Amino acid sequence: MVTPDMILRRLPPYQDDWELVVKEQYVRDIVKEICTAHRLYADFYDKFSDLFYNTDPETVADRLYSFCKNYISYREESKEDQTSALPTGILHRGYGDCKHYALFSAGVIGSLNRLYDCCFEAYYYFVGYRGAEEPYHVFVSIVDSDKEIWLDPTPGSGGTPTLIVPKPI
C-alpha cells in the first residue's frame, strides 16, 4: 500500500510558498489554473507514479481513490482562496478539495501514460449540479478503449470509482 511518506521521500522538500494567481477568481480562472498546474507539475508525478502502476485502469482508479480517501482529508476552500498545489504540498498538508484530488489523480495517470504507455487517459470534468449556472466541482474521468471510470474521492460522491460502459451503437 502506498503511503504519503513513500511519495514524499522521492520529492523535493516542501517549501510552503504561496502565489496568488488571480485576486478575483472566476470559474474560468480556476479551470485555467488546473490545466496549467497539470502541465507544470508533471515532472513531480514522474518521480512516484510507478507506486500506482498497473495496466488495468480500474485497478489504478481504485488505488488512487483509496489513497486520496485515506491520506488527503477533504477541506473545501472558500471562493476567495482557490488554490492548486504541487503533490508535495497536498501530501505535506494532508488536505485538499476536489481540485487537489483531481490534480493528484490526473497527475499520476498522465505520468503513467508518459512513462509506461498505459493506454488510458485522464480527463477533468468541470460540473455543476442541481441547475447551477457555472461549474463548481471537478473530478477525473479515466477513459480506456471500452470503458470510462469516474474517479471522485470527494465526500458525497457515492463511494468507489464508478465504472461507465458505453452502450453499443
N, C-alpha and C. Protein backbone atom coordinates (compact mmCIF):
# COMPACT_ATOMS: atom_id res chain seq x y z
N MET A 1 0.84 -1.18 0.00
CA MET A 1 0.00 0.00 0.00
C MET A 1 0.90 1.26 0.00
N VAL A 2 0.58 2.18 -0.86
CA VAL A 2 1.34 3.42 -0.99
C VAL A 2 0.98 4.36 0.17
N THR A 3 2.00 4.99 0.75
CA THR A 3 1.77 5.97 1.82
C THR A 3 2.35 7.32 1.39
N PRO A 4 1.90 8.40 2.00
CA PRO A 4 2.47 9.72 1.69
C PRO A 4 3.98 9.77 1.91
N ASP A 5 4.48 9.12 2.96
CA ASP A 5 5.92 9.15 3.22
C ASP A 5 6.71 8.53 2.08
N MET A 6 6.18 7.46 1.48
CA MET A 6 6.86 6.82 0.35
C MET A 6 7.00 7.81 -0.81
N ILE A 7 5.97 8.61 -1.03
CA ILE A 7 5.99 9.59 -2.11
C ILE A 7 6.87 10.78 -1.75
N LEU A 8 6.70 11.30 -0.54
CA LEU A 8 7.44 12.50 -0.12
C LEU A 8 8.95 12.27 -0.12
N ARG A 9 9.39 11.04 0.13
CA ARG A 9 10.83 10.74 0.10
C ARG A 9 11.41 10.92 -1.31
N ARG A 10 10.57 10.85 -2.32
CA ARG A 10 11.03 10.97 -3.71
C ARG A 10 10.91 12.39 -4.26
N LEU A 11 10.31 13.28 -3.50
CA LEU A 11 10.06 14.64 -3.98
C LEU A 11 10.95 15.65 -3.27
N PRO A 12 11.16 16.82 -3.90
CA PRO A 12 11.91 17.87 -3.21
C PRO A 12 11.18 18.29 -1.93
N PRO A 13 11.90 18.84 -0.95
CA PRO A 13 11.26 19.26 0.30
C PRO A 13 10.16 20.29 0.07
N TYR A 14 9.18 20.24 0.92
CA TYR A 14 8.06 21.17 0.86
C TYR A 14 8.52 22.57 1.23
N GLN A 15 8.14 23.57 0.43
CA GLN A 15 8.58 24.95 0.64
C GLN A 15 7.56 25.83 1.35
N ASP A 16 6.29 25.47 1.29
CA ASP A 16 5.20 26.28 1.87
C ASP A 16 5.18 27.69 1.28
N ASP A 17 5.50 27.80 0.00
CA ASP A 17 5.40 29.08 -0.71
C ASP A 17 4.04 29.16 -1.38
N TRP A 18 3.43 30.30 -1.32
CA TRP A 18 2.11 30.51 -1.92
C TRP A 18 2.21 31.63 -2.94
N GLU A 19 1.47 31.48 -4.00
CA GLU A 19 1.46 32.52 -5.03
C GLU A 19 0.01 32.80 -5.41
N LEU A 20 -0.37 34.05 -5.35
CA LEU A 20 -1.71 34.44 -5.74
C LEU A 20 -1.77 34.47 -7.27
N VAL A 21 -2.63 33.66 -7.83
CA VAL A 21 -2.73 33.57 -9.29
C VAL A 21 -3.57 34.72 -9.83
N VAL A 22 -4.75 34.89 -9.27
CA VAL A 22 -5.65 35.96 -9.68
C VAL A 22 -6.37 36.45 -8.43
N LYS A 23 -6.40 37.76 -8.21
CA LYS A 23 -7.02 38.29 -6.99
C LYS A 23 -8.51 37.97 -6.94
N GLU A 24 -9.23 38.28 -7.99
CA GLU A 24 -10.65 37.92 -8.06
C GLU A 24 -10.78 36.75 -9.01
N GLN A 25 -11.06 35.58 -8.45
CA GLN A 25 -11.10 34.36 -9.24
C GLN A 25 -12.51 34.05 -9.71
N TYR A 26 -12.59 33.68 -10.97
CA TYR A 26 -13.84 33.22 -11.57
C TYR A 26 -13.62 31.79 -12.03
N VAL A 27 -14.69 31.12 -12.38
CA VAL A 27 -14.60 29.72 -12.79
C VAL A 27 -13.56 29.54 -13.89
N ARG A 28 -13.56 30.40 -14.88
CA ARG A 28 -12.60 30.24 -15.99
C ARG A 28 -11.16 30.34 -15.50
N ASP A 29 -10.91 31.16 -14.45
CA ASP A 29 -9.56 31.27 -13.89
C ASP A 29 -9.15 29.97 -13.20
N ILE A 30 -10.08 29.36 -12.50
CA ILE A 30 -9.80 28.12 -11.78
C ILE A 30 -9.55 26.98 -12.78
N VAL A 31 -10.37 26.90 -13.82
CA VAL A 31 -10.18 25.88 -14.86
C VAL A 31 -8.81 26.06 -15.51
N LYS A 32 -8.48 27.29 -15.84
CA LYS A 32 -7.18 27.58 -16.46
C LYS A 32 -6.04 27.20 -15.52
N GLU A 33 -6.16 27.51 -14.24
CA GLU A 33 -5.11 27.19 -13.27
C GLU A 33 -4.92 25.68 -13.14
N ILE A 34 -6.00 24.91 -13.13
CA ILE A 34 -5.88 23.45 -13.03
C ILE A 34 -5.16 22.90 -14.25
N CYS A 35 -5.53 23.37 -15.42
CA CYS A 35 -4.87 22.90 -16.65
C CYS A 35 -3.40 23.29 -16.67
N THR A 36 -3.08 24.50 -16.22
CA THR A 36 -1.69 24.95 -16.17
C THR A 36 -0.90 24.13 -15.14
N ALA A 37 -1.48 23.95 -13.96
CA ALA A 37 -0.81 23.18 -12.91
C ALA A 37 -0.55 21.74 -13.37
N HIS A 38 -1.49 21.16 -14.08
CA HIS A 38 -1.32 19.79 -14.58
C HIS A 38 -0.04 19.69 -15.41
N ARG A 39 0.17 20.67 -16.28
CA ARG A 39 1.37 20.67 -17.13
C ARG A 39 2.63 20.99 -16.32
N LEU A 40 2.56 22.01 -15.49
CA LEU A 40 3.74 22.46 -14.75
C LEU A 40 4.24 21.44 -13.73
N TYR A 41 3.36 20.67 -13.14
CA TYR A 41 3.72 19.76 -12.07
C TYR A 41 4.00 18.35 -12.57
N ALA A 42 3.96 18.12 -13.87
CA ALA A 42 4.10 16.77 -14.45
C ALA A 42 5.37 16.06 -13.98
N ASP A 43 6.49 16.78 -13.94
CA ASP A 43 7.76 16.15 -13.55
C ASP A 43 7.72 15.61 -12.12
N PHE A 44 6.97 16.25 -11.24
CA PHE A 44 6.86 15.78 -9.86
C PHE A 44 6.17 14.41 -9.83
N TYR A 45 5.12 14.25 -10.62
CA TYR A 45 4.39 12.99 -10.65
C TYR A 45 5.23 11.87 -11.25
N ASP A 46 6.14 12.23 -12.16
CA ASP A 46 7.01 11.22 -12.77
C ASP A 46 7.94 10.58 -11.74
N LYS A 47 8.16 11.24 -10.62
CA LYS A 47 9.07 10.72 -9.60
C LYS A 47 8.44 9.61 -8.75
N PHE A 48 7.09 9.48 -8.79
CA PHE A 48 6.47 8.47 -7.93
C PHE A 48 5.30 7.73 -8.55
N SER A 49 4.93 8.01 -9.76
CA SER A 49 3.74 7.36 -10.34
C SER A 49 3.87 5.85 -10.40
N ASP A 50 5.11 5.35 -10.46
CA ASP A 50 5.31 3.90 -10.51
C ASP A 50 4.70 3.20 -9.29
N LEU A 51 4.55 3.90 -8.18
CA LEU A 51 3.94 3.32 -6.99
C LEU A 51 2.48 2.94 -7.21
N PHE A 52 1.84 3.56 -8.20
CA PHE A 52 0.43 3.30 -8.53
C PHE A 52 0.29 2.47 -9.81
N TYR A 53 1.40 2.05 -10.39
CA TYR A 53 1.41 1.43 -11.71
C TYR A 53 0.56 0.16 -11.79
N ASN A 54 -0.21 0.10 -12.86
CA ASN A 54 -0.92 -1.09 -13.28
C ASN A 54 -1.44 -0.80 -14.67
N THR A 55 -1.57 -1.81 -15.49
CA THR A 55 -2.08 -1.58 -16.84
C THR A 55 -3.60 -1.62 -16.89
N ASP A 56 -4.23 -1.99 -15.78
CA ASP A 56 -5.69 -2.02 -15.71
C ASP A 56 -6.20 -0.70 -15.13
N PRO A 57 -6.99 0.07 -15.89
CA PRO A 57 -7.44 1.38 -15.39
C PRO A 57 -8.32 1.28 -14.14
N GLU A 58 -9.07 0.20 -14.00
CA GLU A 58 -9.90 0.05 -12.80
C GLU A 58 -9.03 -0.11 -11.56
N THR A 59 -7.94 -0.84 -11.68
CA THR A 59 -7.02 -1.01 -10.55
C THR A 59 -6.37 0.32 -10.20
N VAL A 60 -5.92 1.06 -11.19
CA VAL A 60 -5.32 2.37 -10.94
C VAL A 60 -6.34 3.30 -10.28
N ALA A 61 -7.57 3.30 -10.78
CA ALA A 61 -8.63 4.14 -10.19
C ALA A 61 -8.86 3.76 -8.72
N ASP A 62 -8.93 2.47 -8.44
CA ASP A 62 -9.13 2.02 -7.06
C ASP A 62 -7.97 2.44 -6.16
N ARG A 63 -6.74 2.32 -6.66
CA ARG A 63 -5.57 2.70 -5.86
C ARG A 63 -5.56 4.20 -5.57
N LEU A 64 -5.84 5.00 -6.59
CA LEU A 64 -5.85 6.45 -6.40
C LEU A 64 -7.00 6.88 -5.49
N TYR A 65 -8.17 6.30 -5.69
CA TYR A 65 -9.33 6.62 -4.85
C TYR A 65 -9.01 6.31 -3.38
N SER A 66 -8.50 5.10 -3.13
CA SER A 66 -8.18 4.70 -1.76
C SER A 66 -7.12 5.59 -1.15
N PHE A 67 -6.09 5.92 -1.93
CA PHE A 67 -5.03 6.79 -1.42
C PHE A 67 -5.60 8.15 -1.02
N CYS A 68 -6.38 8.75 -1.91
CA CYS A 68 -6.95 10.07 -1.60
C CYS A 68 -7.86 10.01 -0.38
N LYS A 69 -8.70 8.99 -0.30
CA LYS A 69 -9.61 8.87 0.85
C LYS A 69 -8.85 8.67 2.16
N ASN A 70 -7.76 7.89 2.10
CA ASN A 70 -7.02 7.56 3.32
C ASN A 70 -6.06 8.66 3.77
N TYR A 71 -5.52 9.43 2.82
CA TYR A 71 -4.42 10.32 3.18
C TYR A 71 -4.62 11.80 2.87
N ILE A 72 -5.67 12.14 2.15
CA ILE A 72 -5.92 13.55 1.84
C ILE A 72 -7.33 13.88 2.35
N SER A 73 -7.39 14.52 3.50
CA SER A 73 -8.69 14.88 4.08
C SER A 73 -9.35 15.95 3.23
N TYR A 74 -10.66 15.87 3.12
CA TYR A 74 -11.38 16.87 2.34
C TYR A 74 -11.56 18.14 3.16
N ARG A 75 -11.15 19.26 2.58
CA ARG A 75 -11.36 20.57 3.19
C ARG A 75 -11.67 21.54 2.06
N GLU A 76 -12.92 21.93 1.98
CA GLU A 76 -13.36 22.84 0.91
C GLU A 76 -12.72 24.21 1.09
N GLU A 77 -12.28 24.77 -0.02
CA GLU A 77 -11.70 26.10 0.02
C GLU A 77 -12.79 27.14 -0.21
N SER A 78 -12.57 28.31 0.35
CA SER A 78 -13.54 29.39 0.16
C SER A 78 -13.45 29.91 -1.27
N LYS A 79 -14.46 30.63 -1.69
CA LYS A 79 -14.45 31.21 -3.04
C LYS A 79 -13.27 32.17 -3.22
N GLU A 80 -12.84 32.80 -2.14
CA GLU A 80 -11.76 33.78 -2.21
C GLU A 80 -10.37 33.13 -2.25
N ASP A 81 -10.25 31.92 -1.78
CA ASP A 81 -8.94 31.27 -1.66
C ASP A 81 -8.91 29.94 -2.39
N GLN A 82 -9.00 29.97 -3.69
CA GLN A 82 -8.92 28.77 -4.52
C GLN A 82 -7.46 28.54 -4.90
N THR A 83 -6.95 27.32 -4.65
CA THR A 83 -5.54 27.04 -4.91
C THR A 83 -5.37 25.77 -5.74
N SER A 84 -4.21 25.68 -6.35
CA SER A 84 -3.72 24.41 -6.86
C SER A 84 -2.47 24.13 -6.02
N ALA A 85 -1.91 22.95 -6.16
CA ALA A 85 -0.74 22.64 -5.35
C ALA A 85 0.09 21.54 -5.99
N LEU A 86 1.38 21.61 -5.73
CA LEU A 86 2.27 20.51 -6.06
C LEU A 86 1.85 19.29 -5.25
N PRO A 87 2.18 18.10 -5.72
CA PRO A 87 1.84 16.93 -4.90
C PRO A 87 2.50 16.99 -3.52
N THR A 88 3.68 17.60 -3.45
CA THR A 88 4.36 17.77 -2.16
C THR A 88 3.49 18.57 -1.19
N GLY A 89 2.91 19.66 -1.68
CA GLY A 89 2.06 20.49 -0.84
C GLY A 89 0.79 19.77 -0.40
N ILE A 90 0.17 19.07 -1.32
CA ILE A 90 -1.06 18.33 -0.98
C ILE A 90 -0.76 17.30 0.11
N LEU A 91 0.33 16.54 -0.06
CA LEU A 91 0.64 15.48 0.89
C LEU A 91 1.19 16.01 2.20
N HIS A 92 1.98 17.06 2.15
CA HIS A 92 2.53 17.64 3.38
C HIS A 92 1.40 18.20 4.25
N ARG A 93 0.48 18.92 3.63
CA ARG A 93 -0.65 19.47 4.38
C ARG A 93 -1.63 18.38 4.80
N GLY A 94 -1.82 17.38 3.92
CA GLY A 94 -2.73 16.28 4.25
C GLY A 94 -4.19 16.60 4.01
N TYR A 95 -4.46 17.69 3.31
CA TYR A 95 -5.85 18.02 2.99
C TYR A 95 -5.92 18.73 1.65
N GLY A 96 -7.11 18.78 1.11
CA GLY A 96 -7.37 19.46 -0.14
C GLY A 96 -8.85 19.36 -0.47
N ASP A 97 -9.22 19.94 -1.59
CA ASP A 97 -10.61 19.82 -2.01
C ASP A 97 -10.65 19.09 -3.34
N CYS A 98 -11.76 19.19 -4.05
CA CYS A 98 -11.92 18.43 -5.29
C CYS A 98 -10.83 18.74 -6.31
N LYS A 99 -10.34 19.98 -6.34
CA LYS A 99 -9.26 20.34 -7.27
C LYS A 99 -7.99 19.56 -6.97
N HIS A 100 -7.69 19.42 -5.70
CA HIS A 100 -6.47 18.72 -5.29
C HIS A 100 -6.58 17.22 -5.57
N TYR A 101 -7.75 16.64 -5.29
CA TYR A 101 -7.96 15.23 -5.64
C TYR A 101 -7.79 15.03 -7.14
N ALA A 102 -8.38 15.92 -7.93
CA ALA A 102 -8.33 15.79 -9.38
C ALA A 102 -6.91 15.99 -9.90
N LEU A 103 -6.21 17.01 -9.40
CA LEU A 103 -4.83 17.24 -9.82
C LEU A 103 -3.94 16.05 -9.48
N PHE A 104 -4.08 15.51 -8.29
CA PHE A 104 -3.26 14.38 -7.87
C PHE A 104 -3.55 13.17 -8.76
N SER A 105 -4.81 12.83 -8.92
CA SER A 105 -5.19 11.64 -9.70
C SER A 105 -4.79 11.77 -11.16
N ALA A 106 -5.13 12.89 -11.79
CA ALA A 106 -4.79 13.09 -13.20
C ALA A 106 -3.28 13.21 -13.38
N GLY A 107 -2.58 13.76 -12.39
CA GLY A 107 -1.12 13.86 -12.47
C GLY A 107 -0.48 12.49 -12.50
N VAL A 108 -0.95 11.58 -11.65
CA VAL A 108 -0.42 10.22 -11.63
C VAL A 108 -0.74 9.50 -12.94
N ILE A 109 -1.97 9.61 -13.40
CA ILE A 109 -2.37 8.92 -14.63
C ILE A 109 -1.61 9.46 -15.83
N GLY A 110 -1.46 10.78 -15.91
CA GLY A 110 -0.68 11.36 -17.00
C GLY A 110 0.74 10.84 -17.01
N SER A 111 1.34 10.73 -15.84
CA SER A 111 2.70 10.22 -15.73
C SER A 111 2.77 8.75 -16.14
N LEU A 112 1.80 7.95 -15.71
CA LEU A 112 1.79 6.53 -16.11
C LEU A 112 1.74 6.40 -17.62
N ASN A 113 1.01 7.27 -18.27
CA ASN A 113 0.95 7.23 -19.73
C ASN A 113 2.26 7.67 -20.36
N ARG A 114 2.87 8.72 -19.83
CA ARG A 114 4.14 9.19 -20.38
C ARG A 114 5.25 8.15 -20.20
N LEU A 115 5.33 7.58 -19.00
CA LEU A 115 6.45 6.71 -18.68
C LEU A 115 6.24 5.25 -19.05
N TYR A 116 4.98 4.79 -19.01
CA TYR A 116 4.73 3.35 -19.16
C TYR A 116 3.73 3.03 -20.28
N ASP A 117 3.27 4.06 -21.01
CA ASP A 117 2.34 3.84 -22.12
C ASP A 117 1.15 2.97 -21.71
N CYS A 118 0.46 3.40 -20.65
CA CYS A 118 -0.64 2.60 -20.11
C CYS A 118 -1.89 2.57 -21.00
N CYS A 119 -1.97 3.43 -21.96
CA CYS A 119 -3.06 3.41 -22.95
C CYS A 119 -4.43 3.75 -22.38
N PHE A 120 -4.48 4.53 -21.31
CA PHE A 120 -5.74 5.11 -20.87
C PHE A 120 -5.46 6.54 -20.48
N GLU A 121 -6.45 7.37 -20.60
CA GLU A 121 -6.28 8.81 -20.41
C GLU A 121 -7.11 9.30 -19.23
N ALA A 122 -6.69 10.42 -18.67
CA ALA A 122 -7.45 11.10 -17.62
C ALA A 122 -7.95 12.42 -18.17
N TYR A 123 -9.21 12.71 -17.90
CA TYR A 123 -9.82 13.97 -18.31
C TYR A 123 -10.44 14.63 -17.08
N TYR A 124 -10.34 15.94 -17.04
CA TYR A 124 -11.00 16.70 -15.98
C TYR A 124 -12.43 16.97 -16.40
N TYR A 125 -13.40 16.69 -15.52
CA TYR A 125 -14.79 17.06 -15.73
C TYR A 125 -15.10 18.21 -14.77
N PHE A 126 -15.47 19.35 -15.30
CA PHE A 126 -15.88 20.50 -14.50
C PHE A 126 -17.40 20.54 -14.55
N VAL A 127 -18.04 20.41 -13.40
CA VAL A 127 -19.50 20.24 -13.37
C VAL A 127 -20.15 21.11 -12.31
N GLY A 128 -21.43 21.35 -12.51
CA GLY A 128 -22.30 21.97 -11.53
C GLY A 128 -23.56 21.12 -11.44
N TYR A 129 -24.14 21.01 -10.29
CA TYR A 129 -25.31 20.15 -10.10
C TYR A 129 -26.53 20.98 -9.74
N ARG A 130 -27.67 20.35 -9.83
CA ARG A 130 -28.95 20.96 -9.43
C ARG A 130 -29.18 22.32 -10.07
N GLY A 131 -28.96 22.41 -11.36
CA GLY A 131 -29.26 23.63 -12.09
C GLY A 131 -28.27 24.76 -11.90
N ALA A 132 -27.09 24.48 -11.40
CA ALA A 132 -26.08 25.53 -11.20
C ALA A 132 -25.74 26.18 -12.53
N GLU A 133 -25.56 27.48 -12.51
CA GLU A 133 -25.25 28.21 -13.73
C GLU A 133 -23.80 28.02 -14.16
N GLU A 134 -22.92 27.76 -13.21
CA GLU A 134 -21.50 27.56 -13.51
C GLU A 134 -21.00 26.31 -12.79
N PRO A 135 -19.97 25.68 -13.34
CA PRO A 135 -19.38 24.54 -12.63
C PRO A 135 -18.74 24.98 -11.33
N TYR A 136 -18.83 24.14 -10.33
CA TYR A 136 -18.18 24.43 -9.05
C TYR A 136 -17.47 23.19 -8.51
N HIS A 137 -17.42 22.15 -9.30
CA HIS A 137 -16.81 20.89 -8.87
C HIS A 137 -15.98 20.32 -10.02
N VAL A 138 -14.91 19.61 -9.68
CA VAL A 138 -14.10 18.96 -10.70
C VAL A 138 -13.76 17.55 -10.22
N PHE A 139 -13.79 16.61 -11.15
CA PHE A 139 -13.33 15.26 -10.87
C PHE A 139 -12.66 14.71 -12.12
N VAL A 140 -12.09 13.53 -12.01
CA VAL A 140 -11.33 12.93 -13.11
C VAL A 140 -12.11 11.76 -13.70
N SER A 141 -12.07 11.69 -15.01
CA SER A 141 -12.61 10.55 -15.73
C SER A 141 -11.44 9.82 -16.38
N ILE A 142 -11.35 8.52 -16.16
CA ILE A 142 -10.33 7.69 -16.79
C ILE A 142 -11.00 6.98 -17.95
N VAL A 143 -10.45 7.17 -19.14
CA VAL A 143 -11.05 6.59 -20.33
C VAL A 143 -10.09 5.57 -20.93
N ASP A 144 -10.61 4.36 -21.07
CA ASP A 144 -9.90 3.27 -21.72
C ASP A 144 -10.62 3.02 -23.05
N SER A 145 -10.16 2.10 -23.83
CA SER A 145 -10.74 1.87 -25.15
C SER A 145 -12.22 1.48 -25.09
N ASP A 146 -12.65 0.80 -24.03
CA ASP A 146 -14.04 0.33 -23.99
C ASP A 146 -14.81 0.73 -22.74
N LYS A 147 -14.23 1.60 -21.91
CA LYS A 147 -14.94 1.99 -20.69
C LYS A 147 -14.45 3.34 -20.19
N GLU A 148 -15.25 3.91 -19.31
CA GLU A 148 -14.92 5.16 -18.65
C GLU A 148 -15.15 4.97 -17.16
N ILE A 149 -14.22 5.49 -16.37
CA ILE A 149 -14.33 5.37 -14.91
C ILE A 149 -14.30 6.77 -14.32
N TRP A 150 -15.33 7.11 -13.55
CA TRP A 150 -15.35 8.39 -12.87
C TRP A 150 -14.66 8.23 -11.53
N LEU A 151 -13.62 9.01 -11.31
CA LEU A 151 -12.82 8.94 -10.10
C LEU A 151 -13.03 10.22 -9.31
N ASP A 152 -13.80 10.12 -8.23
CA ASP A 152 -14.14 11.30 -7.44
C ASP A 152 -14.16 10.93 -5.95
N PRO A 153 -13.04 11.14 -5.24
CA PRO A 153 -12.99 10.82 -3.82
C PRO A 153 -13.67 11.85 -2.92
N THR A 154 -14.25 12.89 -3.49
CA THR A 154 -14.91 13.92 -2.70
C THR A 154 -16.06 13.31 -1.89
N PRO A 155 -16.17 13.67 -0.60
CA PRO A 155 -17.28 13.14 0.20
C PRO A 155 -18.62 13.42 -0.48
N GLY A 156 -19.50 12.44 -0.44
CA GLY A 156 -20.81 12.58 -1.05
C GLY A 156 -20.84 12.20 -2.52
N SER A 157 -19.71 11.77 -3.05
CA SER A 157 -19.67 11.43 -4.48
C SER A 157 -20.20 10.03 -4.76
N GLY A 158 -20.46 9.27 -3.73
CA GLY A 158 -21.08 7.97 -3.95
C GLY A 158 -20.19 6.77 -3.69
N GLY A 159 -19.01 6.95 -3.17
CA GLY A 159 -18.20 5.79 -2.84
C GLY A 159 -17.12 5.52 -3.86
N THR A 160 -16.89 4.26 -4.14
CA THR A 160 -15.79 3.83 -5.00
C THR A 160 -15.90 4.40 -6.41
N PRO A 161 -14.82 4.29 -7.18
CA PRO A 161 -14.89 4.77 -8.58
C PRO A 161 -16.05 4.14 -9.33
N THR A 162 -16.70 4.93 -10.18
CA THR A 162 -17.88 4.49 -10.90
C THR A 162 -17.51 4.11 -12.32
N LEU A 163 -17.75 2.84 -12.65
CA LEU A 163 -17.46 2.34 -13.99
C LEU A 163 -18.65 2.63 -14.90
N ILE A 164 -18.37 3.23 -16.05
CA ILE A 164 -19.41 3.53 -17.03
C ILE A 164 -19.00 2.87 -18.33
N VAL A 165 -19.79 1.89 -18.75
CA VAL A 165 -19.52 1.22 -20.00
C VAL A 165 -20.47 1.78 -21.05
N PRO A 166 -19.95 2.40 -22.09
CA PRO A 166 -20.83 2.98 -23.11
C PRO A 166 -21.73 1.93 -23.74
N LYS A 167 -22.95 2.32 -24.04
CA LYS A 167 -23.88 1.42 -24.72
C LYS A 167 -23.45 1.27 -26.18
N PRO A 168 -23.56 0.04 -26.70
CA PRO A 168 -23.22 -0.12 -28.13
C PRO A 168 -24.17 0.67 -29.01
N ILE A 169 -23.66 1.19 -30.10
CA ILE A 169 -24.48 1.98 -31.01
C ILE A 169 -25.10 1.08 -32.04
